Amino acid sequence: MVDYLVLGDEPYLQVNECKNCGARYFGRRNACGQCGSQEFQQARVSDTGTLRTFSIVHRAAPSIPTPYVSAIVVTDDGTSVRTNLINIDPTPDKVVLGMKVKLATYVVGTDDEGKEAVAFAYEPA
């Protein structure tokens, strides 16, 4: 569903990394927000990380099942990822700050031709 999710045998996230200062960005950038450089290289994001913050969402658009966990994960290489947590009971007893998580993919829908739309999230490691 997004350009920075690279699918294959082992799916992973890919960022545009500033060649000058190392700042990382999902999606296209014209210039680095940290140093202003216009030179980037693609870099793979670590598949594992730590839950930095989260919110349990109880109200969403009509087609979105609730509750779900919206989160910020900081990967083991320091990349901050806005994501959802899956495969966990969305309660404060189960979702704990600092918990270890890993990248996961899942099918969110199928078009009329049978092609699957795949999204990413993180799940308990």
N, C-alpha and C. Protein backbone atom coordinates (compact mmCIF):
# COMPACT_ATOMS: atom_id res chain seq x y z
N MET A 1 0.81 -1.20 0.00
CA MET A 1 0.00 0.00 0.00
C MET A 1 0.85 1.27 0.00
N VAL A 2 2.11 1.14 0.38
CA VAL A 2 3.03 2.29 0.36
C VAL A 2 4.31 1.89 -0.38
N ASP A 3 4.95 2.87 -0.99
CA ASP A 3 6.16 2.60 -1.77
C ASP A 3 7.32 2.10 -0.92
N TYR A 4 7.34 2.46 0.34
CA TYR A 4 8.49 2.10 1.18
C TYR A 4 8.37 0.73 1.83
N LEU A 5 7.29 -0.01 1.56
CA LEU A 5 7.19 -1.41 1.97
C LEU A 5 7.66 -2.26 0.79
N VAL A 6 8.77 -2.95 0.98
CA VAL A 6 9.34 -3.78 -0.07
C VAL A 6 8.92 -5.22 0.23
N LEU A 7 8.16 -5.80 -0.70
CA LEU A 7 7.66 -7.15 -0.51
C LEU A 7 8.60 -8.17 -1.14
N GLY A 8 8.50 -9.38 -0.71
CA GLY A 8 9.33 -10.47 -1.20
C GLY A 8 9.34 -11.56 -0.16
N ASP A 9 10.34 -12.42 -0.20
CA ASP A 9 10.43 -13.50 0.78
C ASP A 9 10.50 -12.96 2.20
N GLU A 10 11.25 -11.88 2.39
CA GLU A 10 11.35 -11.22 3.69
C GLU A 10 11.02 -9.74 3.51
N PRO A 11 9.76 -9.35 3.68
CA PRO A 11 9.39 -7.95 3.50
C PRO A 11 10.17 -7.03 4.46
N TYR A 12 10.42 -5.81 4.01
CA TYR A 12 11.10 -4.84 4.86
C TYR A 12 10.68 -3.43 4.46
N LEU A 13 10.98 -2.48 5.34
CA LEU A 13 10.73 -1.07 5.06
C LEU A 13 12.02 -0.44 4.55
N GLN A 14 11.87 0.53 3.65
CA GLN A 14 13.01 1.21 3.05
C GLN A 14 12.80 2.71 3.17
N VAL A 15 13.85 3.42 3.55
CA VAL A 15 13.78 4.87 3.70
C VAL A 15 14.73 5.55 2.74
N ASN A 16 14.52 6.84 2.58
CA ASN A 16 15.49 7.69 1.90
C ASN A 16 16.35 8.30 3.00
N GLU A 17 17.64 8.03 2.93
CA GLU A 17 18.57 8.48 3.96
C GLU A 17 19.47 9.57 3.40
N CYS A 18 19.57 10.68 4.11
CA CYS A 18 20.42 11.78 3.68
C CYS A 18 21.87 11.32 3.67
N LYS A 19 22.55 11.55 2.55
CA LYS A 19 23.96 11.15 2.43
C LYS A 19 24.86 12.03 3.29
N ASN A 20 24.40 13.22 3.65
CA ASN A 20 25.23 14.13 4.42
C ASN A 20 25.12 13.89 5.93
N CYS A 21 23.89 13.81 6.45
CA CYS A 21 23.73 13.74 7.91
C CYS A 21 23.09 12.44 8.41
N GLY A 22 22.56 11.62 7.48
CA GLY A 22 21.98 10.35 7.89
C GLY A 22 20.53 10.40 8.33
N ALA A 23 19.89 11.57 8.24
CA ALA A 23 18.46 11.66 8.59
C ALA A 23 17.66 10.75 7.66
N ARG A 24 16.62 10.14 8.20
CA ARG A 24 15.84 9.16 7.43
C ARG A 24 14.41 9.64 7.22
N TYR A 25 13.91 9.40 6.00
CA TYR A 25 12.57 9.83 5.63
C TYR A 25 11.85 8.73 4.84
N PHE A 26 10.60 8.51 5.18
CA PHE A 26 9.76 7.63 4.37
C PHE A 26 9.19 8.47 3.24
N GLY A 27 9.19 7.93 2.03
CA GLY A 27 8.67 8.68 0.89
C GLY A 27 9.72 9.62 0.31
N ARG A 28 9.34 10.25 -0.77
CA ARG A 28 10.24 11.13 -1.54
C ARG A 28 10.50 12.43 -0.80
N ARG A 29 11.72 12.94 -0.92
CA ARG A 29 12.13 14.22 -0.35
C ARG A 29 12.89 15.02 -1.39
N ASN A 30 12.68 16.33 -1.41
CA ASN A 30 13.47 17.20 -2.27
C ASN A 30 14.74 17.64 -1.57
N ALA A 31 14.65 17.79 -0.25
CA ALA A 31 15.81 18.22 0.54
C ALA A 31 15.66 17.69 1.95
N CYS A 32 16.78 17.52 2.61
CA CYS A 32 16.79 17.04 3.98
C CYS A 32 16.30 18.14 4.93
N GLY A 33 15.40 17.78 5.81
CA GLY A 33 14.89 18.73 6.80
C GLY A 33 15.89 19.05 7.89
N GLN A 34 16.93 18.24 8.03
CA GLN A 34 17.95 18.45 9.05
C GLN A 34 19.08 19.37 8.57
N CYS A 35 19.59 19.09 7.37
CA CYS A 35 20.78 19.81 6.91
C CYS A 35 20.61 20.51 5.55
N GLY A 36 19.51 20.23 4.85
CA GLY A 36 19.27 20.89 3.57
C GLY A 36 19.88 20.19 2.37
N SER A 37 20.64 19.13 2.59
CA SER A 37 21.25 18.40 1.48
C SER A 37 20.16 17.85 0.55
N GLN A 38 20.51 17.71 -0.72
CA GLN A 38 19.57 17.18 -1.70
C GLN A 38 19.99 15.80 -2.19
N GLU A 39 20.94 15.17 -1.51
CA GLU A 39 21.41 13.85 -1.92
C GLU A 39 20.96 12.79 -0.92
N PHE A 40 20.30 11.77 -1.45
CA PHE A 40 19.76 10.69 -0.62
C PHE A 40 20.17 9.34 -1.18
N GLN A 41 20.17 8.35 -0.32
CA GLN A 41 20.37 6.96 -0.72
C GLN A 41 19.29 6.13 -0.04
N GLN A 42 18.94 5.02 -0.64
CA GLN A 42 17.95 4.14 -0.03
C GLN A 42 18.63 3.27 1.01
N ALA A 43 17.92 3.08 2.14
CA ALA A 43 18.46 2.26 3.22
C ALA A 43 17.35 1.38 3.78
N ARG A 44 17.73 0.19 4.18
CA ARG A 44 16.78 -0.75 4.77
C ARG A 44 16.61 -0.41 6.26
N VAL A 45 15.37 -0.50 6.72
CA VAL A 45 15.05 -0.25 8.12
C VAL A 45 15.09 -1.58 8.87
N SER A 46 15.62 -1.56 10.08
CA SER A 46 15.66 -2.77 10.90
C SER A 46 14.24 -3.30 11.09
N ASP A 47 14.09 -4.61 11.08
CA ASP A 47 12.78 -5.25 11.22
C ASP A 47 12.31 -5.32 12.67
N THR A 48 13.17 -5.03 13.62
CA THR A 48 12.82 -5.12 15.03
C THR A 48 13.00 -3.78 15.71
N GLY A 49 12.26 -3.58 16.80
CA GLY A 49 12.35 -2.32 17.50
C GLY A 49 11.64 -2.36 18.84
N THR A 50 11.38 -1.17 19.36
CA THR A 50 10.79 -1.00 20.69
C THR A 50 9.60 -0.06 20.58
N LEU A 51 8.54 -0.40 21.29
CA LEU A 51 7.35 0.46 21.33
C LEU A 51 7.67 1.71 22.14
N ARG A 52 7.63 2.88 21.49
CA ARG A 52 7.96 4.14 22.15
C ARG A 52 6.73 4.78 22.78
N THR A 53 5.61 4.81 22.03
CA THR A 53 4.35 5.37 22.55
C THR A 53 3.19 4.75 21.79
N PHE A 54 1.99 4.84 22.35
CA PHE A 54 0.83 4.25 21.69
C PHE A 54 -0.46 4.87 22.18
N SER A 55 -1.50 4.63 21.40
CA SER A 55 -2.86 5.02 21.77
C SER A 55 -3.78 3.90 21.33
N ILE A 56 -4.72 3.55 22.18
CA ILE A 56 -5.73 2.55 21.82
C ILE A 56 -6.91 3.31 21.25
N VAL A 57 -7.18 3.09 19.98
CA VAL A 57 -8.20 3.83 19.24
C VAL A 57 -9.53 3.08 19.35
N HIS A 58 -10.57 3.81 19.80
CA HIS A 58 -11.89 3.21 19.96
C HIS A 58 -12.92 3.75 18.96
N ARG A 59 -12.60 4.86 18.29
CA ARG A 59 -13.51 5.44 17.31
C ARG A 59 -12.74 5.68 16.02
N ALA A 60 -13.30 5.20 14.91
CA ALA A 60 -12.64 5.34 13.61
C ALA A 60 -13.71 5.44 12.53
N ALA A 61 -13.27 5.53 11.29
CA ALA A 61 -14.20 5.54 10.16
C ALA A 61 -15.04 4.27 10.20
N PRO A 62 -16.25 4.31 9.64
CA PRO A 62 -17.17 3.17 9.73
C PRO A 62 -16.59 1.82 9.28
N SER A 63 -15.70 1.81 8.32
CA SER A 63 -15.18 0.53 7.82
C SER A 63 -13.94 0.02 8.57
N ILE A 64 -13.47 0.77 9.54
CA ILE A 64 -12.27 0.40 10.29
C ILE A 64 -12.66 -0.27 11.61
N PRO A 65 -12.28 -1.52 11.81
CA PRO A 65 -12.62 -2.20 13.07
C PRO A 65 -11.86 -1.60 14.25
N THR A 66 -12.54 -1.42 15.36
CA THR A 66 -11.93 -0.91 16.58
C THR A 66 -12.22 -1.89 17.70
N PRO A 67 -11.49 -1.86 18.79
CA PRO A 67 -10.32 -1.01 19.02
C PRO A 67 -9.08 -1.56 18.30
N TYR A 68 -8.12 -0.66 18.07
CA TYR A 68 -6.82 -1.05 17.53
C TYR A 68 -5.76 -0.16 18.18
N VAL A 69 -4.51 -0.57 18.02
CA VAL A 69 -3.41 0.15 18.65
C VAL A 69 -2.64 0.94 17.59
N SER A 70 -2.64 2.25 17.73
CA SER A 70 -1.83 3.14 16.90
C SER A 70 -0.56 3.42 17.70
N ALA A 71 0.60 3.36 17.03
CA ALA A 71 1.85 3.39 17.79
C ALA A 71 2.99 4.09 17.05
N ILE A 72 3.99 4.44 17.82
CA ILE A 72 5.28 4.86 17.30
C ILE A 72 6.28 3.81 17.76
N VAL A 73 6.98 3.23 16.80
CA VAL A 73 8.02 2.25 17.08
C VAL A 73 9.36 2.87 16.69
N VAL A 74 10.35 2.71 17.56
CA VAL A 74 11.71 3.10 17.21
C VAL A 74 12.46 1.81 16.93
N THR A 75 12.89 1.65 15.68
CA THR A 75 13.55 0.41 15.28
C THR A 75 14.96 0.36 15.88
N ASP A 76 15.55 -0.81 15.82
CA ASP A 76 16.87 -1.01 16.41
C ASP A 76 17.95 -0.16 15.75
N ASP A 77 17.69 0.37 14.55
CA ASP A 77 18.65 1.27 13.91
C ASP A 77 18.30 2.74 14.13
N GLY A 78 17.29 3.01 14.99
CA GLY A 78 16.95 4.38 15.36
C GLY A 78 15.89 5.05 14.50
N THR A 79 15.30 4.35 13.56
CA THR A 79 14.27 4.92 12.69
C THR A 79 12.93 4.96 13.43
N SER A 80 12.26 6.08 13.41
CA SER A 80 10.95 6.23 14.03
C SER A 80 9.86 5.91 13.00
N VAL A 81 8.98 4.96 13.34
CA VAL A 81 7.96 4.49 12.40
C VAL A 81 6.58 4.68 13.00
N ARG A 82 5.71 5.41 12.31
CA ARG A 82 4.29 5.53 12.67
C ARG A 82 3.61 4.28 12.14
N THR A 83 2.92 3.53 13.00
CA THR A 83 2.42 2.22 12.61
C THR A 83 1.24 1.82 13.48
N ASN A 84 0.75 0.64 13.26
CA ASN A 84 -0.23 0.00 14.15
C ASN A 84 0.41 -1.25 14.72
N LEU A 85 -0.08 -1.69 15.88
CA LEU A 85 0.32 -2.98 16.43
C LEU A 85 -0.78 -3.98 16.12
N ILE A 86 -0.38 -5.17 15.71
CA ILE A 86 -1.34 -6.23 15.41
C ILE A 86 -0.98 -7.47 16.22
N ASN A 87 -1.89 -8.43 16.21
CA ASN A 87 -1.69 -9.70 16.90
C ASN A 87 -1.42 -9.52 18.39
N ILE A 88 -2.13 -8.55 18.97
CA ILE A 88 -2.05 -8.29 20.40
C ILE A 88 -3.41 -7.78 20.86
N ASP A 89 -3.82 -8.16 22.06
CA ASP A 89 -5.06 -7.66 22.63
C ASP A 89 -4.90 -6.16 22.88
N PRO A 90 -5.76 -5.32 22.29
CA PRO A 90 -5.59 -3.86 22.41
C PRO A 90 -6.06 -3.33 23.77
N THR A 91 -5.38 -3.74 24.82
CA THR A 91 -5.69 -3.29 26.18
C THR A 91 -4.41 -2.82 26.85
N PRO A 92 -4.55 -1.90 27.82
CA PRO A 92 -3.35 -1.41 28.53
C PRO A 92 -2.62 -2.51 29.30
N ASP A 93 -3.28 -3.61 29.61
CA ASP A 93 -2.62 -4.71 30.30
C ASP A 93 -1.65 -5.46 29.38
N LYS A 94 -1.93 -5.48 28.09
CA LYS A 94 -1.11 -6.24 27.14
C LYS A 94 -0.10 -5.38 26.38
N VAL A 95 -0.49 -4.15 26.05
CA VAL A 95 0.39 -3.24 25.30
C VAL A 95 1.20 -2.44 26.31
N VAL A 96 2.51 -2.61 26.28
CA VAL A 96 3.38 -2.02 27.30
C VAL A 96 4.49 -1.21 26.66
N LEU A 97 4.69 0.01 27.12
CA LEU A 97 5.80 0.82 26.61
C LEU A 97 7.11 0.06 26.80
N GLY A 98 7.96 0.13 25.80
CA GLY A 98 9.25 -0.52 25.87
C GLY A 98 9.25 -1.97 25.39
N MET A 99 8.06 -2.49 25.05
CA MET A 99 8.01 -3.87 24.59
C MET A 99 8.71 -4.02 23.25
N LYS A 100 9.31 -5.18 23.03
CA LYS A 100 10.00 -5.47 21.78
C LYS A 100 8.98 -5.89 20.73
N VAL A 101 9.14 -5.38 19.51
CA VAL A 101 8.21 -5.66 18.41
C VAL A 101 9.00 -5.99 17.15
N LYS A 102 8.30 -6.59 16.19
CA LYS A 102 8.92 -6.92 14.90
C LYS A 102 7.95 -6.59 13.78
N LEU A 103 8.50 -6.33 12.60
CA LEU A 103 7.72 -5.99 11.42
C LEU A 103 6.86 -7.17 11.00
N ALA A 104 5.63 -6.89 10.59
CA ALA A 104 4.71 -7.91 10.08
C ALA A 104 3.95 -7.31 8.91
N THR A 105 3.49 -8.16 8.00
CA THR A 105 2.63 -7.71 6.90
C THR A 105 1.32 -8.47 6.98
N TYR A 106 0.29 -7.90 6.38
CA TYR A 106 -1.02 -8.54 6.35
C TYR A 106 -1.82 -8.02 5.17
N VAL A 107 -2.77 -8.82 4.72
CA VAL A 107 -3.61 -8.46 3.58
C VAL A 107 -4.77 -7.61 4.09
N VAL A 108 -4.97 -6.45 3.47
CA VAL A 108 -6.05 -5.55 3.88
C VAL A 108 -7.23 -5.58 2.91
N GLY A 109 -7.04 -6.23 1.77
CA GLY A 109 -8.14 -6.32 0.81
C GLY A 109 -7.67 -6.95 -0.49
N THR A 110 -8.64 -7.23 -1.34
CA THR A 110 -8.37 -7.83 -2.64
C THR A 110 -9.20 -7.10 -3.68
N ASP A 111 -8.60 -6.77 -4.84
CA ASP A 111 -9.36 -6.07 -5.87
C ASP A 111 -10.16 -7.07 -6.71
N ASP A 112 -10.87 -6.56 -7.69
CA ASP A 112 -11.75 -7.39 -8.53
C ASP A 112 -10.98 -8.43 -9.34
N GLU A 113 -9.68 -8.21 -9.54
CA GLU A 113 -8.86 -9.16 -10.30
C GLU A 113 -8.14 -10.16 -9.39
N GLY A 114 -8.40 -10.07 -8.08
CA GLY A 114 -7.78 -10.99 -7.14
C GLY A 114 -6.42 -10.55 -6.62
N LYS A 115 -6.00 -9.35 -6.96
CA LYS A 115 -4.71 -8.84 -6.49
C LYS A 115 -4.86 -8.32 -5.06
N GLU A 116 -3.96 -8.79 -4.19
CA GLU A 116 -4.04 -8.42 -2.78
C GLU A 116 -3.35 -7.09 -2.50
N ALA A 117 -3.94 -6.32 -1.59
CA ALA A 117 -3.31 -5.11 -1.07
C ALA A 117 -2.69 -5.50 0.27
N VAL A 118 -1.39 -5.28 0.39
CA VAL A 118 -0.65 -5.68 1.58
C VAL A 118 -0.20 -4.44 2.34
N ALA A 119 -0.39 -4.46 3.65
CA ALA A 119 0.03 -3.37 4.52
C ALA A 119 1.04 -3.90 5.53
N PHE A 120 1.69 -2.99 6.26
CA PHE A 120 2.63 -3.41 7.30
C PHE A 120 2.14 -2.92 8.65
N ALA A 121 2.61 -3.56 9.67
CA ALA A 121 2.39 -3.17 11.06
C ALA A 121 3.51 -3.81 11.85
N TYR A 122 3.45 -3.67 13.14
CA TYR A 122 4.39 -4.36 14.01
C TYR A 122 3.60 -5.24 14.96
N GLU A 123 4.25 -6.30 15.44
CA GLU A 123 3.62 -7.24 16.36
C GLU A 123 4.62 -7.57 17.46
N PRO A 124 4.15 -8.13 18.58
CA PRO A 124 5.09 -8.50 19.64
C PRO A 124 6.18 -9.44 19.12
N ALA A 125 7.40 -9.18 19.55
CA ALA A 125 8.54 -10.01 19.10
C ALA A 125 8.63 -11.30 19.90
